[in-house]
Amino acid sequence: MHSYKVILIVVLLCNLELCNAQNKFPQAKDLNKFENTVFVPTLENKLQQGKNSIYCSTFLLAWDEMRKALKSPILTDSIESDLYLLNKSESFKSTLKKEEYTSSYQIHGQSIFLKASLQKILSFRESFPVNNYELDFGGKKVSSFGTIGFNPIADMLIQIVYYESDNDFIIKVLPENQDHEIILYMTQKRYNSMKLIVANIEKKIAEAGEEKSQFVNNWKYNISAEDEVIIPKLLFNIETNFPSIERKSFSSNSLVFSISKAFQRTAFNLDERGAKVDSEATGEVVFSEPAVEVEGENPRPKKMRFDKTFFLMAKRVDSNNPYLGIWIENTELMLGIK
């Protein structure tokens, strides 16, 4: 069998800027400088307990360029788990429209160069009020934004799509681009992979759909004067090579290929700012009592503070899977108090 060299250069510019579009990311830092953060190539990769995990579908989009270049099935050994999952995963499909990312391959002699990139600006219609809330996450004070009590802007930007308790709820933060959505899931459950998290989010939102139709449950899905929604600010620009993929081999059409380089850079920023536009705030709508009494929970204040383990994903509204997912277990990716 002949052997070919593969240069897998995956430039993941997941610039999901929820802040001012003119803001610039900090200089990229090597992943080795983050003791409690890892990158995962696919949604199916196993999550490491106690560590943040960052995923972007662009890595899989770059690998798909390999299929186009070879024009024949790629065979990998299941012993090489990360490469095997990379080749097997289909969770990247339909996560983005073709015009929303770039990917390509080039063949030079014995080398194949792959590249994929994504830049997405998801600005808010209006800014959250500048309150600079402090949030205690695992004993550390971090910067955050959101709302304490009812606020017409927050009410316009935040949807509560599932609520069981202050430790088990899901919200959507809505950007101006209505084709996309940011979902945050507070959970104390341990998951083996992001794939399982995404599936459970979908299940919980479906369950909540029936509950929403009952008037007595309206309090769960609206932000009242006694409620809180507090979200930590995130800012990072991280790059790394994948040692679990580099120097690994695969075959296609009786040829053997060796991956000599697999590089990824992912940048992300989440805060209270967005594009300033002229917007009309909606007023409070008061419902009359239902004619038939329906048994339900007594309304209580909701303290939806993302102050412990949670999951964030960005996705198109017409896709089941996200193009970016972040499992948060510590403050390494958050902004501290100035």
C-alpha atoms as a PDB file:
ATOM      1  CA  MET A   1       0.000   0.000   0.000  1.00  0.00           C
ATOM      2  CA  HIS A   2       1.119   3.535  -0.739  1.00  0.00           C
ATOM      3  CA  SER A   3       1.217   6.035   2.113  1.00  0.00           C
ATOM      4  CA  TYR A   4       0.138   9.670   1.881  1.00  0.00           C
ATOM      5  CA  LYS A   5       0.514  12.578   4.284  1.00  0.00           C
ATOM      6  CA  VAL A   6      -2.580  14.477   5.422  1.00  0.00           C
ATOM      7  CA  ILE A   7      -2.410  18.016   6.799  1.00  0.00           C
ATOM      8  CA  LEU A   8      -5.675  18.646   8.618  1.00  0.00           C
ATOM      9  CA  ILE A   9      -5.821  22.383   9.227  1.00  0.00           C
ATOM     10  CA  VAL A  10      -9.163  23.193  10.814  1.00  0.00           C
ATOM     11  CA  VAL A  11      -9.515  26.903  11.445  1.00  0.00           C
ATOM     12  CA  LEU A  12     -12.553  27.164  13.698  1.00  0.00           C
ATOM     13  CA  LEU A  13     -13.448  30.829  13.832  1.00  0.00           C
ATOM     14  CA  CYS A  14     -16.643  30.320  15.813  1.00  0.00           C
ATOM     15  CA  ASN A  15     -17.001  34.032  16.413  1.00  0.00           C
ATOM     16  CA  LEU A  16     -20.490  33.953  17.892  1.00  0.00           C
ATOM     17  CA  GLU A  17     -20.293  37.566  18.965  1.00  0.00           C
ATOM     18  CA  LEU A  18     -23.205  38.531  21.135  1.00  0.00           C
ATOM     19  CA  CYS A  19     -21.365  41.735  21.940  1.00  0.00           C
ATOM     20  CA  ASN A  20     -20.619  44.741  19.791  1.00  0.00           C
ATOM     21  CA  ALA A  21     -19.600  43.576  16.319  1.00  0.00           C
ATOM     22  CA  GLN A  22     -16.542  45.848  16.456  1.00  0.00           C
ATOM     23  CA  ASN A  23     -15.105  44.161  19.559  1.00  0.00           C
ATOM     24  CA  LYS A  24     -11.995  42.118  18.957  1.00  0.00           C
ATOM     25  CA  PHE A  25     -11.071  38.807  20.544  1.00  0.00           C
ATOM     26  CA  PRO A  26      -8.016  38.559  22.796  1.00  0.00           C
ATOM     27  CA  GLN A  27      -4.893  36.972  21.363  1.00  0.00           C
ATOM     28  CA  ALA A  28      -5.257  33.219  20.963  1.00  0.00           C
ATOM     29  CA  LYS A  29      -3.928  31.108  23.834  1.00  0.00           C
ATOM     30  CA  ASP A  30      -2.755  27.523  23.710  1.00  0.00           C
ATOM     31  CA  LEU A  31      -5.163  25.029  25.242  1.00  0.00           C
ATOM     32  CA  ASN A  32      -2.331  23.765  27.454  1.00  0.00           C
ATOM     33  CA  LYS A  33      -2.663  26.986  29.472  1.00  0.00           C
ATOM     34  CA  PHE A  34      -6.168  25.940  30.513  1.00  0.00           C
ATOM     35  CA  GLU A  35      -5.981  23.194  33.123  1.00  0.00           C
ATOM     36  CA  ASN A  36      -9.707  22.520  33.213  1.00  0.00           C
ATOM     37  CA  THR A  37     -10.835  22.919  29.595  1.00  0.00           C
ATOM     38  CA  VAL A  38     -10.726  20.469  26.665  1.00  0.00           C
ATOM     39  CA  PHE A  39     -11.801  20.438  23.020  1.00  0.00           C
ATOM     40  CA  VAL A  40     -13.980  17.634  21.659  1.00  0.00           C
ATOM     41  CA  PRO A  41     -13.989  16.949  17.890  1.00  0.00           C
ATOM     42  CA  THR A  42     -17.586  15.629  17.826  1.00  0.00           C
ATOM     43  CA  LEU A  43     -20.799  15.732  19.818  1.00  0.00           C
ATOM     44  CA  GLU A  44     -20.308  12.016  20.445  1.00  0.00           C
ATOM     45  CA  ASN A  45     -16.967  12.356  22.259  1.00  0.00           C
ATOM     46  CA  LYS A  46     -16.983  11.504  25.948  1.00  0.00           C
ATOM     47  CA  LEU A  47     -17.068  14.452  28.354  1.00  0.00           C
ATOM     48  CA  GLN A  48     -14.415  14.657  31.056  1.00  0.00           C
ATOM     49  CA  GLN A  49     -15.787  15.202  34.532  1.00  0.00           C
ATOM     50  CA  GLY A  50     -14.731  18.481  36.126  1.00  0.00           C
ATOM     51  CA  LYS A  51     -13.648  20.084  32.832  1.00  0.00           C
ATOM     52  CA  ASN A  52     -15.192  22.506  30.359  1.00  0.00           C
ATOM     53  CA  SER A  53     -15.659  21.012  26.899  1.00  0.00           C
ATOM     54  CA  ILE A  54     -15.774  23.002  23.648  1.00  0.00           C
ATOM     55  CA  TYR A  55     -17.169  21.660  20.361  1.00  0.00           C
ATOM     56  CA  CYS A  56     -17.661  23.187  16.908  1.00  0.00           C
ATOM     57  CA  SER A  57     -19.048  21.356  13.872  1.00  0.00           C
ATOM     58  CA  THR A  58     -16.483  22.975  11.579  1.00  0.00           C
ATOM     59  CA  PHE A  59     -13.996  20.265  12.496  1.00  0.00           C
ATOM     60  CA  LEU A  60     -16.371  17.691  11.030  1.00  0.00           C
ATOM     61  CA  LEU A  61     -16.994  19.905   8.004  1.00  0.00           C
ATOM     62  CA  ALA A  62     -13.253  19.895   7.319  1.00  0.00           C
ATOM     63  CA  TRP A  63     -13.140  16.115   7.617  1.00  0.00           C
ATOM     64  CA  ASP A  64     -15.984  15.940   5.116  1.00  0.00           C
ATOM     65  CA  GLU A  65     -13.643  17.656   2.657  1.00  0.00           C
ATOM     66  CA  MET A  66     -11.421  14.591   2.992  1.00  0.00           C
ATOM     67  CA  ARG A  67     -14.264  12.435   1.673  1.00  0.00           C
ATOM     68  CA  LYS A  68     -14.637  14.792  -1.288  1.00  0.00           C
ATOM     69  CA  ALA A  69     -10.909  14.667  -1.968  1.00  0.00           C
ATOM     70  CA  LEU A  70     -10.647  10.870  -1.848  1.00  0.00           C
ATOM     71  CA  LYS A  71     -13.993  10.094  -3.516  1.00  0.00           C
ATOM     72  CA  SER A  72     -14.037   6.712  -1.758  1.00  0.00           C
ATOM     73  CA  PRO A  73     -15.034   5.389   1.695  1.00  0.00           C
ATOM     74  CA  ILE A  74     -12.660   6.115   4.582  1.00  0.00           C
ATOM     75  CA  LEU A  75     -11.816   3.222   6.889  1.00  0.00           C
ATOM     76  CA  THR A  76     -10.622   3.815  10.451  1.00  0.00           C
ATOM     77  CA  ASP A  77      -9.754   1.492  13.317  1.00  0.00           C
ATOM     78  CA  SER A  78     -12.170   1.662  16.272  1.00  0.00           C
ATOM     79  CA  ILE A  79      -9.138   1.422  18.583  1.00  0.00           C
ATOM     80  CA  GLU A  80      -8.274   4.996  17.574  1.00  0.00           C
ATOM     81  CA  SER A  81     -11.421   6.302  19.257  1.00  0.00           C
ATOM     82  CA  ASP A  82     -11.256  10.016  18.380  1.00  0.00           C
ATOM     83  CA  LEU A  83     -10.445   9.398  14.715  1.00  0.00           C
ATOM     84  CA  TYR A  84     -13.093   6.656  14.582  1.00  0.00           C
ATOM     85  CA  LEU A  85     -15.768   8.983  16.022  1.00  0.00           C
ATOM     86  CA  LEU A  86     -14.661  11.783  13.708  1.00  0.00           C
ATOM     87  CA  ASN A  87     -15.154   9.573  10.672  1.00  0.00           C
ATOM     88  CA  LYS A  88     -18.403   8.051  11.920  1.00  0.00           C
ATOM     89  CA  SER A  89     -20.188  11.176  13.166  1.00  0.00           C
ATOM     90  CA  GLU A  90     -22.995  12.724  11.120  1.00  0.00           C
ATOM     91  CA  SER A  91     -24.035  15.313  13.709  1.00  0.00           C
ATOM     92  CA  PHE A  92     -22.512  18.151  11.637  1.00  0.00           C
ATOM     93  CA  LYS A  93     -24.945  17.672   8.763  1.00  0.00           C
ATOM     94  CA  SER A  94     -27.425  20.515   8.212  1.00  0.00           C
ATOM     95  CA  THR A  95     -26.079  22.504  11.183  1.00  0.00           C
ATOM     96  CA  LEU A  96     -25.226  25.376   8.840  1.00  0.00           C
ATOM     97  CA  LYS A  97     -26.209  26.574   5.402  1.00  0.00           C
ATOM     98  CA  LYS A  98     -23.467  26.370   2.796  1.00  0.00           C
ATOM     99  CA  GLU A  99     -23.125  30.151   2.671  1.00  0.00           C
ATOM    100  CA  GLU A 100     -22.527  30.287   6.458  1.00  0.00           C
ATOM    101  CA  TYR A 101     -19.132  28.594   6.423  1.00  0.00           C
ATOM    102  CA  THR A 102     -16.199  27.890   4.115  1.00  0.00           C
ATOM    103  CA  SER A 103     -14.389  24.602   3.612  1.00  0.00           C
ATOM    104  CA  SER A 104     -11.908  23.363   1.037  1.00  0.00           C
ATOM    105  CA  TYR A 105      -9.192  20.863   0.224  1.00  0.00           C
ATOM    106  CA  GLN A 106      -6.017  21.130  -1.814  1.00  0.00           C
ATOM    107  CA  ILE A 107      -3.730  18.360  -3.040  1.00  0.00           C
ATOM    108  CA  HIS A 108      -0.021  19.119  -3.378  1.00  0.00           C
ATOM    109  CA  GLY A 109       2.085  16.140  -4.321  1.00  0.00           C
ATOM    110  CA  GLN A 110       1.783  13.588  -1.526  1.00  0.00           C
ATOM    111  CA  SER A 111      -0.069  15.979   0.818  1.00  0.00           C
ATOM    112  CA  ILE A 112      -3.735  16.869   1.191  1.00  0.00           C
ATOM    113  CA  PHE A 113      -4.574  20.160   2.919  1.00  0.00           C
ATOM    114  CA  LEU A 114      -7.992  20.596   4.517  1.00  0.00           C
ATOM    115  CA  LYS A 115      -9.420  23.852   5.837  1.00  0.00           C
ATOM    116  CA  ALA A 116     -12.750  24.993   7.278  1.00  0.00           C
ATOM    117  CA  SER A 117     -13.798  28.254   8.898  1.00  0.00           C
ATOM    118  CA  LEU A 118     -16.903  29.819  10.402  1.00  0.00           C
ATOM    119  CA  GLN A 119     -17.621  33.383  11.433  1.00  0.00           C
ATOM    120  CA  LYS A 120     -21.065  34.107  12.889  1.00  0.00           C
ATOM    121  CA  ILE A 121     -22.187  37.325  14.506  1.00  0.00           C
ATOM    122  CA  LEU A 122     -25.357  36.896  16.547  1.00  0.00           C
ATOM    123  CA  SER A 123     -26.213  40.340  17.821  1.00  0.00           C
ATOM    124  CA  PHE A 124     -29.098  41.111  20.157  1.00  0.00           C
ATOM    125  CA  ARG A 125     -31.861  43.390  18.890  1.00  0.00           C
ATOM    126  CA  GLU A 126     -31.146  45.579  21.919  1.00  0.00           C
ATOM    127  CA  SER A 127     -28.725  45.485  24.820  1.00  0.00           C
ATOM    128  CA  PHE A 128     -29.587  44.043  28.170  1.00  0.00           C
ATOM    129  CA  PRO A 129     -29.639  46.810  30.812  1.00  0.00           C
ATOM    130  CA  VAL A 130     -26.098  47.467  32.061  1.00  0.00           C
ATOM    131  CA  ASN A 131     -26.279  46.200  35.636  1.00  0.00           C
ATOM    132  CA  ASN A 132     -23.002  44.236  35.796  1.00  0.00           C
ATOM    133  CA  TYR A 133     -24.387  41.614  38.136  1.00  0.00           C
ATOM    134  CA  GLU A 134     -21.902  39.593  40.142  1.00  0.00           C
ATOM    135  CA  LEU A 135     -22.381  35.857  40.006  1.00  0.00           C
ATOM    136  CA  ASP A 136     -20.837  33.353  42.399  1.00  0.00           C
ATOM    137  CA  PHE A 137     -19.808  30.333  40.336  1.00  0.00           C
ATOM    138  CA  GLY A 138     -18.130  27.617  42.398  1.00  0.00           C
ATOM    139  CA  GLY A 139     -16.967  30.138  44.981  1.00  0.00           C
ATOM    140  CA  LYS A 140     -15.551  32.575  42.408  1.00  0.00           C
ATOM    141  CA  LYS A 141     -17.052  35.943  41.507  1.00  0.00           C
ATOM    142  CA  VAL A 142     -17.611  36.374  37.766  1.00  0.00           C
ATOM    143  CA  SER A 143     -19.208  39.056  35.577  1.00  0.00           C
ATOM    144  CA  SER A 144     -22.711  38.358  34.377  1.00  0.00           C
ATOM    145  CA  PHE A 145     -25.785  39.896  32.768  1.00  0.00           C
ATOM    146  CA  GLY A 146     -29.501  39.261  32.668  1.00  0.00           C
ATOM    147  CA  THR A 147     -32.459  40.552  34.602  1.00  0.00           C
ATOM    148  CA  ILE A 148     -33.704  40.702  38.169  1.00  0.00           C
ATOM    149  CA  GLY A 149     -37.438  41.146  37.978  1.00  0.00           C
ATOM    150  CA  PHE A 150     -39.452  41.888  34.870  1.00  0.00           C
ATOM    151  CA  ASN A 151     -37.741  43.957  32.190  1.00  0.00           C
ATOM    152  CA  PRO A 152     -39.325  44.524  28.750  1.00  0.00           C
ATOM    153  CA  ILE A 153     -36.001  44.118  26.918  1.00  0.00           C
ATOM    154  CA  ALA A 154     -35.085  40.914  28.737  1.00  0.00           C
ATOM    155  CA  ASP A 155     -38.624  39.666  28.181  1.00  0.00           C
ATOM    156  CA  MET A 156     -38.136  40.246  24.447  1.00  0.00           C
ATOM    157  CA  LEU A 157     -34.753  38.490  24.315  1.00  0.00           C
ATOM    158  CA  ILE A 158     -35.279  35.537  26.683  1.00  0.00           C
ATOM    159  CA  GLN A 159     -37.688  32.626  26.282  1.00  0.00           C
ATOM    160  CA  ILE A 160     -38.160  30.103  29.086  1.00  0.00           C
ATOM    161  CA  VAL A 161     -38.803  26.856  27.208  1.00  0.00           C
ATOM    162  CA  TYR A 162     -38.599  24.394  30.111  1.00  0.00           C
ATOM    163  CA  TYR A 163     -38.754  24.827  33.862  1.00  0.00           C
ATOM    164  CA  GLU A 164     -38.795  22.128  36.522  1.00  0.00           C
ATOM    165  CA  SER A 165     -36.773  23.847  39.246  1.00  0.00           C
ATOM    166  CA  ASP A 166     -33.965  26.374  39.704  1.00  0.00           C
ATOM    167  CA  ASN A 167     -31.549  23.487  39.088  1.00  0.00           C
ATOM    168  CA  ASP A 168     -33.323  22.114  36.016  1.00  0.00           C
ATOM    169  CA  PHE A 169     -34.431  24.604  33.356  1.00  0.00           C
ATOM    170  CA  ILE A 170     -33.800  25.658  29.753  1.00  0.00           C
ATOM    171  CA  ILE A 171     -33.879  29.138  28.236  1.00  0.00           C
ATOM    172  CA  LYS A 172     -33.364  30.503  24.748  1.00  0.00           C
ATOM    173  CA  VAL A 173     -31.595  33.821  24.192  1.00  0.00           C
ATOM    174  CA  LEU A 174     -32.798  35.197  20.878  1.00  0.00           C
ATOM    175  CA  PRO A 175     -30.433  37.049  18.508  1.00  0.00           C
ATOM    176  CA  GLU A 176     -31.628  39.494  15.891  1.00  0.00           C
ATOM    177  CA  ASN A 177     -30.975  36.841  13.240  1.00  0.00           C
ATOM    178  CA  GLN A 178     -34.126  34.760  13.672  1.00  0.00           C
ATOM    179  CA  ASP A 179     -32.617  31.775  11.857  1.00  0.00           C
ATOM    180  CA  HIS A 180     -30.392  31.115  14.890  1.00  0.00           C
ATOM    181  CA  GLU A 181     -30.877  30.597  18.598  1.00  0.00           C
ATOM    182  CA  ILE A 182     -28.717  30.251  21.709  1.00  0.00           C
ATOM    183  CA  ILE A 183     -29.908  27.683  24.235  1.00  0.00           C
ATOM    184  CA  LEU A 184     -28.710  27.419  27.837  1.00  0.00           C
ATOM    185  CA  TYR A 185     -29.541  24.358  29.908  1.00  0.00           C
ATOM    186  CA  MET A 186     -29.057  24.297  33.662  1.00  0.00           C
ATOM    187  CA  THR A 187     -28.747  20.728  34.882  1.00  0.00           C
ATOM    188  CA  GLN A 188     -27.255  18.753  37.751  1.00  0.00           C
ATOM    189  CA  LYS A 189     -27.371  15.541  35.734  1.00  0.00           C
ATOM    190  CA  ARG A 190     -24.089  14.038  34.533  1.00  0.00           C
ATOM    191  CA  TYR A 191     -23.924  13.272  30.813  1.00  0.00           C
ATOM    192  CA  ASN A 192     -21.531  11.073  28.884  1.00  0.00           C
ATOM    193  CA  SER A 193     -21.557  13.244  25.752  1.00  0.00           C
ATOM    194  CA  MET A 194     -22.974  16.442  24.274  1.00  0.00           C
ATOM    195  CA  LYS A 195     -25.012  14.276  21.906  1.00  0.00           C
ATOM    196  CA  LEU A 196     -26.981  12.973  24.891  1.00  0.00           C
ATOM    197  CA  ILE A 197     -27.392  16.513  26.262  1.00  0.00           C
ATOM    198  CA  VAL A 198     -28.813  17.764  22.964  1.00  0.00           C
ATOM    199  CA  ALA A 199     -31.235  14.828  22.789  1.00  0.00           C
ATOM    200  CA  ASN A 200     -32.431  15.463  26.340  1.00  0.00           C
ATOM    201  CA  ILE A 201     -32.925  19.169  25.663  1.00  0.00           C
ATOM    202  CA  GLU A 202     -35.114  18.299  22.689  1.00  0.00           C
ATOM    203  CA  LYS A 203     -37.103  15.850  24.838  1.00  0.00           C
ATOM    204  CA  LYS A 204     -37.629  18.341  27.678  1.00  0.00           C
ATOM    205  CA  ILE A 205     -38.749  21.131  25.337  1.00  0.00           C
ATOM    206  CA  ALA A 206     -41.265  18.741  23.737  1.00  0.00           C
ATOM    207  CA  GLU A 207     -42.603  17.775  27.170  1.00  0.00           C
ATOM    208  CA  ALA A 208     -42.966  21.440  28.111  1.00  0.00           C
ATOM    209  CA  GLY A 209     -45.057  22.096  25.014  1.00  0.00           C
ATOM    210  CA  GLU A 210     -48.087  20.327  26.472  1.00  0.00           C
ATOM    211  CA  GLU A 211     -47.583  21.899  29.892  1.00  0.00           C
ATOM    212  CA  LYS A 212     -47.543  25.394  28.393  1.00  0.00           C
ATOM    213  CA  SER A 213     -51.103  24.928  27.120  1.00  0.00           C
ATOM    214  CA  GLN A 214     -52.422  24.836  30.695  1.00  0.00           C
ATOM    215  CA  PHE A 215     -53.081  28.265  32.161  1.00  0.00           C
ATOM    216  CA  VAL A 216     -51.950  27.308  35.669  1.00  0.00           C
ATOM    217  CA  ASN A 217     -48.422  26.722  34.318  1.00  0.00           C
ATOM    218  CA  ASN A 218     -48.038  30.148  32.684  1.00  0.00           C
ATOM    219  CA  TRP A 219     -45.886  31.355  35.590  1.00  0.00           C
ATOM    220  CA  LYS A 220     -43.169  28.881  34.596  1.00  0.00           C
ATOM    221  CA  TYR A 221     -42.745  30.362  31.119  1.00  0.00           C
ATOM    222  CA  ASN A 222     -42.894  34.091  31.847  1.00  0.00           C
ATOM    223  CA  ILE A 223     -40.478  36.366  33.705  1.00  0.00           C
ATOM    224  CA  SER A 224     -42.279  37.977  36.634  1.00  0.00           C
ATOM    225  CA  ALA A 225     -41.317  40.788  39.021  1.00  0.00           C
ATOM    226  CA  GLU A 226     -39.817  38.260  41.469  1.00  0.00           C
ATOM    227  CA  ASP A 227     -37.857  36.198  38.936  1.00  0.00           C
ATOM    228  CA  GLU A 228     -34.150  36.275  38.042  1.00  0.00           C
ATOM    229  CA  VAL A 229     -32.195  35.226  34.972  1.00  0.00           C
ATOM    230  CA  ILE A 230     -28.441  35.692  35.451  1.00  0.00           C
ATOM    231  CA  ILE A 231     -25.941  34.484  32.801  1.00  0.00           C
ATOM    232  CA  PRO A 232     -22.127  34.566  33.155  1.00  0.00           C
ATOM    233  CA  LYS A 233     -20.144  36.456  30.527  1.00  0.00           C
ATOM    234  CA  LEU A 234     -17.906  34.211  28.427  1.00  0.00           C
ATOM    235  CA  LEU A 235     -14.821  35.264  26.479  1.00  0.00           C
ATOM    236  CA  PHE A 236     -12.072  33.064  25.096  1.00  0.00           C
ATOM    237  CA  ASN A 237      -9.850  32.501  22.072  1.00  0.00           C
ATOM    238  CA  ILE A 238      -8.157  29.095  22.290  1.00  0.00           C
ATOM    239  CA  GLU A 239      -6.083  27.053  19.859  1.00  0.00           C
ATOM    240  CA  THR A 240      -4.686  23.537  20.020  1.00  0.00           C
ATOM    241  CA  ASN A 241      -3.441  20.522  18.128  1.00  0.00           C
ATOM    242  CA  PHE A 242      -5.183  17.168  18.572  1.00  0.00           C
ATOM    243  CA  PRO A 243      -2.604  14.595  19.716  1.00  0.00           C
ATOM    244  CA  SER A 244      -5.340  11.935  19.712  1.00  0.00           C
ATOM    245  CA  ILE A 245      -5.788  12.451  15.957  1.00  0.00           C
ATOM    246  CA  GLU A 246      -2.328  13.461  14.770  1.00  0.00           C
ATOM    247  CA  ARG A 247       0.008  10.694  13.650  1.00  0.00           C
ATOM    248  CA  LYS A 248      -2.952   8.330  13.290  1.00  0.00           C
ATOM    249  CA  SER A 249      -3.613   6.416  10.070  1.00  0.00           C
ATOM    250  CA  PHE A 250      -6.637   5.484   7.998  1.00  0.00           C
ATOM    251  CA  SER A 251      -7.174   3.850   4.637  1.00  0.00           C
ATOM    252  CA  SER A 252      -9.203   4.524   1.519  1.00  0.00           C
ATOM    253  CA  ASN A 253      -9.240   2.722  -1.820  1.00  0.00           C
ATOM    254  CA  SER A 254      -6.290   0.503  -0.781  1.00  0.00           C
ATOM    255  CA  LEU A 255      -4.190   3.546   0.138  1.00  0.00           C
ATOM    256  CA  VAL A 256      -2.928   4.378   3.644  1.00  0.00           C
ATOM    257  CA  PHE A 257      -3.021   7.959   4.907  1.00  0.00           C
ATOM    258  CA  SER A 258      -1.338   9.454   7.970  1.00  0.00           C
ATOM    259  CA  ILE A 259      -2.574  12.649   9.629  1.00  0.00           C
ATOM    260  CA  SER A 260       0.439  14.846  10.325  1.00  0.00           C
ATOM    261  CA  LYS A 261      -1.356  17.912  11.679  1.00  0.00           C
ATOM    262  CA  ALA A 262      -4.805  18.598  13.154  1.00  0.00           C
ATOM    263  CA  PHE A 263      -5.190  22.181  14.389  1.00  0.00           C
ATOM    264  CA  GLN A 264      -8.187  24.012  15.806  1.00  0.00           C
ATOM    265  CA  ARG A 265      -8.879  27.553  17.000  1.00  0.00           C
ATOM    266  CA  THR A 266     -12.188  28.545  18.552  1.00  0.00           C
ATOM    267  CA  ALA A 267     -13.152  32.006  19.777  1.00  0.00           C
ATOM    268  CA  PHE A 268     -16.363  32.856  21.607  1.00  0.00           C
ATOM    269  CA  ASN A 269     -17.818  35.918  23.316  1.00  0.00           C
ATOM    270  CA  LEU A 270     -21.073  36.209  25.239  1.00  0.00           C
ATOM    271  CA  ASP A 271     -22.162  39.328  27.096  1.00  0.00           C
ATOM    272  CA  GLU A 272     -25.064  41.746  27.473  1.00  0.00           C
ATOM    273  CA  ARG A 273     -24.425  43.905  24.382  1.00  0.00           C
ATOM    274  CA  GLY A 274     -25.811  43.731  20.909  1.00  0.00           C
ATOM    275  CA  ALA A 275     -26.640  45.750  17.818  1.00  0.00           C
ATOM    276  CA  LYS A 276     -28.587  48.872  18.778  1.00  0.00           C
ATOM    277  CA  VAL A 277     -31.832  49.101  16.837  1.00  0.00           C
ATOM    278  CA  ASP A 278     -35.151  50.939  17.233  1.00  0.00           C
ATOM    279  CA  SER A 279     -37.444  48.488  19.000  1.00  0.00           C
ATOM    280  CA  GLU A 280     -40.888  48.506  20.536  1.00  0.00           C
ATOM    281  CA  ALA A 281     -41.265  46.840  23.936  1.00  0.00           C
ATOM    282  CA  THR A 282     -44.400  44.832  24.566  1.00  0.00           C
ATOM    283  CA  GLY A 283     -46.628  45.485  27.552  1.00  0.00           C
ATOM    284  CA  GLU A 284     -47.877  43.006  30.092  1.00  0.00           C
ATOM    285  CA  VAL A 285     -50.922  40.995  29.037  1.00  0.00           C
ATOM    286  CA  VAL A 286     -53.329  39.985  31.771  1.00  0.00           C
ATOM    287  CA  PHE A 287     -55.312  36.783  31.301  1.00  0.00           C
ATOM    288  CA  SER A 288     -58.640  36.158  32.944  1.00  0.00           C
ATOM    289  CA  GLU A 289     -59.008  33.057  35.137  1.00  0.00           C
ATOM    290  CA  PRO A 290     -59.887  29.846  33.282  1.00  0.00           C
ATOM    291  CA  ALA A 291     -63.487  28.738  33.460  1.00  0.00           C
ATOM    292  CA  VAL A 292     -62.506  25.230  34.578  1.00  0.00           C
ATOM    293  CA  GLU A 293     -60.067  24.831  37.456  1.00  0.00           C
ATOM    294  CA  VAL A 294     -56.944  22.849  36.503  1.00  0.00           C
ATOM    295  CA  GLU A 295     -54.651  21.480  39.179  1.00  0.00           C
ATOM    296  CA  GLY A 296     -51.070  22.712  39.015  1.00  0.00           C
ATOM    297  CA  GLU A 297     -48.113  23.868  41.056  1.00  0.00           C
ATOM    298  CA  ASN A 298     -48.358  27.055  43.064  1.00  0.00           C
ATOM    299  CA  PRO A 299     -46.440  29.897  41.387  1.00  0.00           C
ATOM    300  CA  ARG A 300     -43.110  30.688  43.033  1.00  0.00           C
ATOM    301  CA  PRO A 301     -40.197  32.994  42.203  1.00  0.00           C
ATOM    302  CA  LYS A 302     -37.767  31.470  39.698  1.00  0.00           C
ATOM    303  CA  LYS A 303     -34.070  32.073  40.444  1.00  0.00           C
ATOM    304  CA  MET A 304     -32.535  31.004  37.143  1.00  0.00           C
ATOM    305  CA  ARG A 305     -28.894  31.706  37.889  1.00  0.00           C
ATOM    306  CA  PHE A 306     -26.279  29.899  35.806  1.00  0.00           C
ATOM    307  CA  ASP A 307     -23.997  29.558  38.834  1.00  0.00           C
ATOM    308  CA  LYS A 308     -23.088  25.893  38.451  1.00  0.00           C
ATOM    309  CA  THR A 309     -22.680  23.274  35.718  1.00  0.00           C
ATOM    310  CA  PHE A 310     -24.605  24.161  32.563  1.00  0.00           C
ATOM    311  CA  PHE A 311     -24.608  23.623  28.802  1.00  0.00           C
ATOM    312  CA  LEU A 312     -24.724  26.259  26.070  1.00  0.00           C
ATOM    313  CA  MET A 313     -25.311  25.610  22.404  1.00  0.00           C
ATOM    314  CA  ALA A 314     -25.787  27.738  19.304  1.00  0.00           C
ATOM    315  CA  LYS A 315     -27.840  26.293  16.464  1.00  0.00           C
ATOM    316  CA  ARG A 316     -30.035  27.069  13.525  1.00  0.00           C
ATOM    317  CA  VAL A 317     -33.696  26.847  14.430  1.00  0.00           C
ATOM    318  CA  ASP A 318     -34.238  24.369  11.588  1.00  0.00           C
ATOM    319  CA  SER A 319     -31.486  21.993  12.760  1.00  0.00           C
ATOM    320  CA  ASN A 320     -31.637  19.361  15.511  1.00  0.00           C
ATOM    321  CA  ASN A 321     -27.917  19.642  16.248  1.00  0.00           C
ATOM    322  CA  PRO A 322     -25.834  22.680  17.229  1.00  0.00           C
ATOM    323  CA  TYR A 323     -22.807  23.994  15.378  1.00  0.00           C
ATOM    324  CA  LEU A 324     -21.295  25.028  18.679  1.00  0.00           C
ATOM    325  CA  GLY A 325     -21.639  23.477  22.133  1.00  0.00           C
ATOM    326  CA  ILE A 326     -19.955  24.390  25.425  1.00  0.00           C
ATOM    327  CA  TRP A 327     -20.238  22.297  28.586  1.00  0.00           C
ATOM    328  CA  ILE A 328     -19.333  24.569  31.503  1.00  0.00           C
ATOM    329  CA  GLU A 329     -18.059  23.170  34.814  1.00  0.00           C
ATOM    330  CA  ASN A 330     -15.702  25.935  35.984  1.00  0.00           C
ATOM    331  CA  THR A 331     -14.841  29.616  35.496  1.00  0.00           C
ATOM    332  CA  GLU A 332     -11.863  29.309  33.105  1.00  0.00           C
ATOM    333  CA  LEU A 333     -13.880  30.628  30.157  1.00  0.00           C
ATOM    334  CA  MET A 334     -15.638  33.392  32.088  1.00  0.00           C
ATOM    335  CA  LEU A 335     -14.862  37.053  32.674  1.00  0.00           C
ATOM    336  CA  GLY A 336     -13.846  37.970  36.210  1.00  0.00           C
ATOM    337  CA  ILE A 337     -14.972  41.015  38.134  1.00  0.00           C
ATOM    338  CA  LYS A 338     -13.056  44.174  37.148  1.00  0.00           C
END
